[in-house]
């Protein structure tokens, strides 16, 4: 590899100056660090270490061009079946309750995949309220445990009844 003193710097014109870099230096790497300074006569360049001179034949990151867009085929086959208007409305209602599209709902029911019904906002608020009631009745039962065991037992029974309703919600 040539040193800085072996590289030729010649100016053919005062306005344009050229730097000749030998090919064996560029073959080792894609770039060379240069710091071009003019001396006091402004006819000679001095090589330094801060600037970069990158060769024109840089790598193309897509040598074969842009990739073809892949189109998602998805579910392409169409299956039709006949049903009454009532059956179609019932299927749509059940699909919306479960949070699925009509076709996905029919697909899951056909292949006997589990379909869970989504709770509405009203059901969720009722569920949270029942949980609070259950916890509060348990706290009340714990408070009167030593003073009045009969009242404690009745409060626990009420809490267990609320718990059974909560289990029905989960199913």
C-alpha atoms as a PDB file:
ATOM      1  CA  UNK A   1       0.000   0.000   0.000  1.00  0.00           C
ATOM      2  CA  UNK A   2       1.324   3.402  -0.920  1.00  0.00           C
ATOM      3  CA  UNK A   3       1.995   6.029   1.676  1.00  0.00           C
ATOM      4  CA  UNK A   4       0.790   9.622   1.578  1.00  0.00           C
ATOM      5  CA  UNK A   5       3.981  10.860  -0.003  1.00  0.00           C
ATOM      6  CA  UNK A   6       3.739   8.428  -2.940  1.00  0.00           C
ATOM      7  CA  UNK A   7       0.254   9.583  -4.088  1.00  0.00           C
ATOM      8  CA  UNK A   8       0.345  12.130  -6.896  1.00  0.00           C
ATOM      9  CA  UNK A   9      -1.357  15.491  -6.511  1.00  0.00           C
ATOM     10  CA  UNK A  10      -1.191  17.579  -9.632  1.00  0.00           C
ATOM     11  CA  UNK A  11      -3.168  20.619 -10.582  1.00  0.00           C
ATOM     12  CA  UNK A  12      -3.782  21.061 -14.296  1.00  0.00           C
ATOM     13  CA  UNK A  13      -5.720  24.269 -13.833  1.00  0.00           C
ATOM     14  CA  UNK A  14      -5.815  26.740 -10.998  1.00  0.00           C
ATOM     15  CA  UNK A  15      -9.609  26.416 -10.661  1.00  0.00           C
ATOM     16  CA  UNK A  16      -9.859  22.629 -10.846  1.00  0.00           C
ATOM     17  CA  UNK A  17      -7.609  20.265  -8.994  1.00  0.00           C
ATOM     18  CA  UNK A  18      -7.560  16.470  -9.190  1.00  0.00           C
ATOM     19  CA  UNK A  19      -6.460  13.798  -6.774  1.00  0.00           C
ATOM     20  CA  UNK A  20      -5.120  10.630  -8.384  1.00  0.00           C
ATOM     21  CA  UNK A  21      -5.577   7.636  -6.124  1.00  0.00           C
ATOM     22  CA  UNK A  22      -4.019   4.365  -7.298  1.00  0.00           C
ATOM     23  CA  UNK A  23      -6.393   1.425  -7.805  1.00  0.00           C
ATOM     24  CA  UNK A  24      -4.455  -0.863  -5.459  1.00  0.00           C
ATOM     25  CA  UNK A  25      -5.341   1.416  -2.548  1.00  0.00           C
ATOM     26  CA  UNK A  26      -9.055   1.325  -3.442  1.00  0.00           C
ATOM     27  CA  UNK A  27      -9.051  -2.439  -3.907  1.00  0.00           C
ATOM     28  CA  UNK A  28      -8.312  -2.924  -0.203  1.00  0.00           C
ATOM     29  CA  UNK A  29     -11.298  -0.876   0.994  1.00  0.00           C
ATOM     30  CA  UNK A  30     -14.240   1.135  -0.294  1.00  0.00           C
ATOM     31  CA  UNK A  31     -13.084   4.442   1.118  1.00  0.00           C
ATOM     32  CA  UNK A  32      -9.974   6.391   2.024  1.00  0.00           C
ATOM     33  CA  UNK A  33      -9.753   9.082   4.659  1.00  0.00           C
ATOM     34  CA  UNK A  34      -8.549  12.382   3.185  1.00  0.00           C
ATOM     35  CA  UNK A  35      -8.147  15.844   4.587  1.00  0.00           C
ATOM     36  CA  UNK A  36      -7.444  18.176   1.698  1.00  0.00           C
ATOM     37  CA  UNK A  37      -5.671  21.397   2.625  1.00  0.00           C
ATOM     38  CA  UNK A  38      -4.134  24.024   0.417  1.00  0.00           C
ATOM     39  CA  UNK A  39      -0.703  25.335   1.222  1.00  0.00           C
ATOM     40  CA  UNK A  40       0.238  28.990   1.116  1.00  0.00           C
ATOM     41  CA  UNK A  41       0.707  29.065  -2.674  1.00  0.00           C
ATOM     42  CA  UNK A  42      -2.625  27.259  -3.191  1.00  0.00           C
ATOM     43  CA  UNK A  43      -1.228  25.092  -5.967  1.00  0.00           C
ATOM     44  CA  UNK A  44      -0.380  22.021  -3.974  1.00  0.00           C
ATOM     45  CA  UNK A  45      -2.635  19.811  -1.815  1.00  0.00           C
ATOM     46  CA  UNK A  46      -1.595  18.143   1.413  1.00  0.00           C
ATOM     47  CA  UNK A  47      -3.088  14.817   2.454  1.00  0.00           C
ATOM     48  CA  UNK A  48      -4.458  14.503   5.995  1.00  0.00           C
ATOM     49  CA  UNK A  49      -6.712  12.175   8.021  1.00  0.00           C
ATOM     50  CA  UNK A  50     -10.134  13.836   8.579  1.00  0.00           C
ATOM     51  CA  UNK A  51     -12.050  13.841   5.276  1.00  0.00           C
ATOM     52  CA  UNK A  52     -13.333  10.783   3.400  1.00  0.00           C
ATOM     53  CA  UNK A  53     -12.971  10.088  -0.270  1.00  0.00           C
ATOM     54  CA  UNK A  54     -15.392   7.378  -1.337  1.00  0.00           C
ATOM     55  CA  UNK A  55     -14.945   5.575  -4.619  1.00  0.00           C
ATOM     56  CA  UNK A  56     -17.645   5.866  -7.268  1.00  0.00           C
ATOM     57  CA  UNK A  57     -18.129   2.110  -7.551  1.00  0.00           C
ATOM     58  CA  UNK A  58     -19.861   1.731  -4.183  1.00  0.00           C
ATOM     59  CA  UNK A  59     -21.996  -1.274  -3.432  1.00  0.00           C
ATOM     60  CA  UNK A  60     -25.575  -1.303  -4.601  1.00  0.00           C
ATOM     61  CA  UNK A  61     -27.702  -2.777  -1.843  1.00  0.00           C
ATOM     62  CA  UNK A  62     -30.202  -4.067  -4.372  1.00  0.00           C
ATOM     63  CA  UNK A  63     -28.049  -5.469  -7.160  1.00  0.00           C
ATOM     64  CA  UNK A  64     -30.929  -7.294  -8.799  1.00  0.00           C
ATOM     65  CA  UNK A  65     -33.332  -4.375  -8.449  1.00  0.00           C
ATOM     66  CA  UNK A  66     -36.341  -3.980  -6.240  1.00  0.00           C
ATOM     67  CA  UNK A  67     -38.060  -7.074  -4.909  1.00  0.00           C
ATOM     68  CA  UNK A  68     -41.422  -8.030  -6.298  1.00  0.00           C
ATOM     69  CA  UNK A  69     -44.323  -7.309  -3.973  1.00  0.00           C
ATOM     70  CA  UNK A  70     -45.800 -10.475  -2.571  1.00  0.00           C
ATOM     71  CA  UNK A  71     -49.559 -10.402  -2.622  1.00  0.00           C
ATOM     72  CA  UNK A  72     -51.275 -12.125   0.297  1.00  0.00           C
ATOM     73  CA  UNK A  73     -53.494 -14.767  -1.193  1.00  0.00           C
ATOM     74  CA  UNK A  74     -55.429 -15.493   2.000  1.00  0.00           C
ATOM     75  CA  UNK A  75     -58.522 -17.582   1.769  1.00  0.00           C
ATOM     76  CA  UNK A  76     -59.371 -17.558  -1.895  1.00  0.00           C
ATOM     77  CA  UNK A  77     -61.996 -20.243  -2.361  1.00  0.00           C
ATOM     78  CA  UNK A  78     -65.621 -19.287  -1.948  1.00  0.00           C
ATOM     79  CA  UNK A  79     -68.197 -21.660  -0.494  1.00  0.00           C
ATOM     80  CA  UNK A  80     -71.882 -20.784  -0.659  1.00  0.00           C
ATOM     81  CA  UNK A  81     -74.824 -22.339   1.117  1.00  0.00           C
ATOM     82  CA  UNK A  82     -78.470 -21.515   1.375  1.00  0.00           C
ATOM     83  CA  UNK A  83     -80.263 -20.591   4.571  1.00  0.00           C
ATOM     84  CA  UNK A  84     -83.372 -18.689   5.545  1.00  0.00           C
ATOM     85  CA  UNK A  85     -83.340 -14.995   6.429  1.00  0.00           C
ATOM     86  CA  UNK A  86     -83.972 -15.874  10.069  1.00  0.00           C
ATOM     87  CA  UNK A  87     -80.986 -18.266  10.146  1.00  0.00           C
ATOM     88  CA  UNK A  88     -78.729 -15.668   8.535  1.00  0.00           C
ATOM     89  CA  UNK A  89     -79.740 -13.006  11.062  1.00  0.00           C
ATOM     90  CA  UNK A  90     -79.195 -15.461  13.895  1.00  0.00           C
ATOM     91  CA  UNK A  91     -75.716 -16.311  12.556  1.00  0.00           C
ATOM     92  CA  UNK A  92     -74.866 -12.606  12.267  1.00  0.00           C
ATOM     93  CA  UNK A  93     -76.025 -11.912  15.833  1.00  0.00           C
ATOM     94  CA  UNK A  94     -74.004 -14.812  17.219  1.00  0.00           C
ATOM     95  CA  UNK A  95     -70.946 -13.754  15.209  1.00  0.00           C
ATOM     96  CA  UNK A  96     -71.106 -10.182  16.502  1.00  0.00           C
ATOM     97  CA  UNK A  97     -71.595 -11.408  20.080  1.00  0.00           C
ATOM     98  CA  UNK A  98     -68.482 -13.532  19.761  1.00  0.00           C
ATOM     99  CA  UNK A  99     -66.521 -10.688  18.135  1.00  0.00           C
ATOM    100  CA  UNK A 100     -65.895 -12.570  14.876  1.00  0.00           C
ATOM    101  CA  UNK A 101     -66.834 -12.015  11.273  1.00  0.00           C
ATOM    102  CA  UNK A 102     -69.673 -14.080   9.866  1.00  0.00           C
ATOM    103  CA  UNK A 103     -67.358 -16.268   7.787  1.00  0.00           C
ATOM    104  CA  UNK A 104     -64.929 -16.837  10.677  1.00  0.00           C
ATOM    105  CA  UNK A 105     -67.815 -17.725  12.982  1.00  0.00           C
ATOM    106  CA  UNK A 106     -69.203 -20.264  10.492  1.00  0.00           C
ATOM    107  CA  UNK A 107     -65.701 -21.692   9.936  1.00  0.00           C
ATOM    108  CA  UNK A 108     -65.094 -22.165  13.664  1.00  0.00           C
ATOM    109  CA  UNK A 109     -68.490 -23.706  14.285  1.00  0.00           C
ATOM    110  CA  UNK A 110     -68.016 -26.049  11.313  1.00  0.00           C
ATOM    111  CA  UNK A 111     -64.657 -27.300  12.555  1.00  0.00           C
ATOM    112  CA  UNK A 112     -65.938 -27.358  16.163  1.00  0.00           C
ATOM    113  CA  UNK A 113     -63.375 -24.864  17.408  1.00  0.00           C
ATOM    114  CA  UNK A 114     -64.310 -23.216  20.695  1.00  0.00           C
ATOM    115  CA  UNK A 115     -66.186 -19.945  20.247  1.00  0.00           C
ATOM    116  CA  UNK A 116     -66.277 -17.674  23.269  1.00  0.00           C
ATOM    117  CA  UNK A 117     -68.910 -14.992  23.523  1.00  0.00           C
ATOM    118  CA  UNK A 118     -67.552 -11.527  24.228  1.00  0.00           C
ATOM    119  CA  UNK A 119     -68.989  -9.646  27.174  1.00  0.00           C
ATOM    120  CA  UNK A 120     -70.646  -6.296  26.568  1.00  0.00           C
ATOM    121  CA  UNK A 121     -69.700  -3.232  28.597  1.00  0.00           C
ATOM    122  CA  UNK A 122     -72.830  -3.648  30.671  1.00  0.00           C
ATOM    123  CA  UNK A 123     -71.970  -7.270  31.478  1.00  0.00           C
ATOM    124  CA  UNK A 124     -68.451  -6.258  32.465  1.00  0.00           C
ATOM    125  CA  UNK A 125     -69.689  -3.589  34.873  1.00  0.00           C
ATOM    126  CA  UNK A 126     -72.139  -6.093  36.415  1.00  0.00           C
ATOM    127  CA  UNK A 127     -69.350  -8.654  36.769  1.00  0.00           C
ATOM    128  CA  UNK A 128     -67.085  -6.136  38.531  1.00  0.00           C
ATOM    129  CA  UNK A 129     -69.938  -5.097  40.805  1.00  0.00           C
ATOM    130  CA  UNK A 130     -70.630  -8.725  41.800  1.00  0.00           C
ATOM    131  CA  UNK A 131     -66.944  -9.226  42.598  1.00  0.00           C
ATOM    132  CA  UNK A 132     -67.017  -6.161  44.874  1.00  0.00           C
ATOM    133  CA  UNK A 133     -70.167  -7.429  46.620  1.00  0.00           C
ATOM    134  CA  UNK A 134     -68.630 -10.859  47.120  1.00  0.00           C
ATOM    135  CA  UNK A 135     -65.480  -9.386  48.641  1.00  0.00           C
ATOM    136  CA  UNK A 136     -67.441  -6.984  50.860  1.00  0.00           C
ATOM    137  CA  UNK A 137     -69.664  -9.757  52.235  1.00  0.00           C
ATOM    138  CA  UNK A 138     -66.565 -11.822  52.993  1.00  0.00           C
ATOM    139  CA  UNK A 139     -65.093  -8.856  54.901  1.00  0.00           C
ATOM    140  CA  UNK A 140     -68.341  -8.402  56.853  1.00  0.00           C
ATOM    141  CA  UNK A 141     -68.378 -12.108  57.718  1.00  0.00           C
ATOM    142  CA  UNK A 142     -64.806 -11.895  58.964  1.00  0.00           C
ATOM    143  CA  UNK A 143     -65.663  -8.858  61.119  1.00  0.00           C
ATOM    144  CA  UNK A 144     -68.510 -10.618  62.977  1.00  0.00           C
ATOM    145  CA  UNK A 145     -66.833 -14.023  63.184  1.00  0.00           C
ATOM    146  CA  UNK A 146     -66.241 -13.930  66.959  1.00  0.00           C
ATOM    147  CA  UNK A 147     -69.269 -11.857  68.013  1.00  0.00           C
ATOM    148  CA  UNK A 148     -72.086 -13.519  66.062  1.00  0.00           C
ATOM    149  CA  UNK A 149     -71.286 -16.855  64.345  1.00  0.00           C
ATOM    150  CA  UNK A 150     -74.860 -17.258  63.024  1.00  0.00           C
ATOM    151  CA  UNK A 151     -74.712 -13.899  61.186  1.00  0.00           C
ATOM    152  CA  UNK A 152     -71.269 -14.810  59.886  1.00  0.00           C
ATOM    153  CA  UNK A 153     -72.591 -18.063  58.424  1.00  0.00           C
ATOM    154  CA  UNK A 154     -75.483 -16.287  56.672  1.00  0.00           C
ATOM    155  CA  UNK A 155     -73.130 -13.676  55.191  1.00  0.00           C
ATOM    156  CA  UNK A 156     -70.773 -16.434  53.977  1.00  0.00           C
ATOM    157  CA  UNK A 157     -73.735 -18.238  52.364  1.00  0.00           C
ATOM    158  CA  UNK A 158     -74.695 -15.033  50.568  1.00  0.00           C
ATOM    159  CA  UNK A 159     -71.088 -14.575  49.402  1.00  0.00           C
ATOM    160  CA  UNK A 160     -70.967 -18.156  48.098  1.00  0.00           C
ATOM    161  CA  UNK A 161     -74.240 -17.564  46.213  1.00  0.00           C
ATOM    162  CA  UNK A 162     -72.703 -14.487  44.572  1.00  0.00           C
ATOM    163  CA  UNK A 163     -69.643 -16.613  43.764  1.00  0.00           C
ATOM    164  CA  UNK A 164     -71.855 -19.180  41.986  1.00  0.00           C
ATOM    165  CA  UNK A 165     -73.358 -16.383  39.861  1.00  0.00           C
ATOM    166  CA  UNK A 166     -69.845 -15.226  39.022  1.00  0.00           C
ATOM    167  CA  UNK A 167     -68.980 -18.746  37.830  1.00  0.00           C
ATOM    168  CA  UNK A 168     -72.048 -18.707  35.581  1.00  0.00           C
ATOM    169  CA  UNK A 169     -70.743 -15.427  34.122  1.00  0.00           C
ATOM    170  CA  UNK A 170     -67.439 -17.063  33.302  1.00  0.00           C
ATOM    171  CA  UNK A 171     -69.102 -19.862  31.364  1.00  0.00           C
END
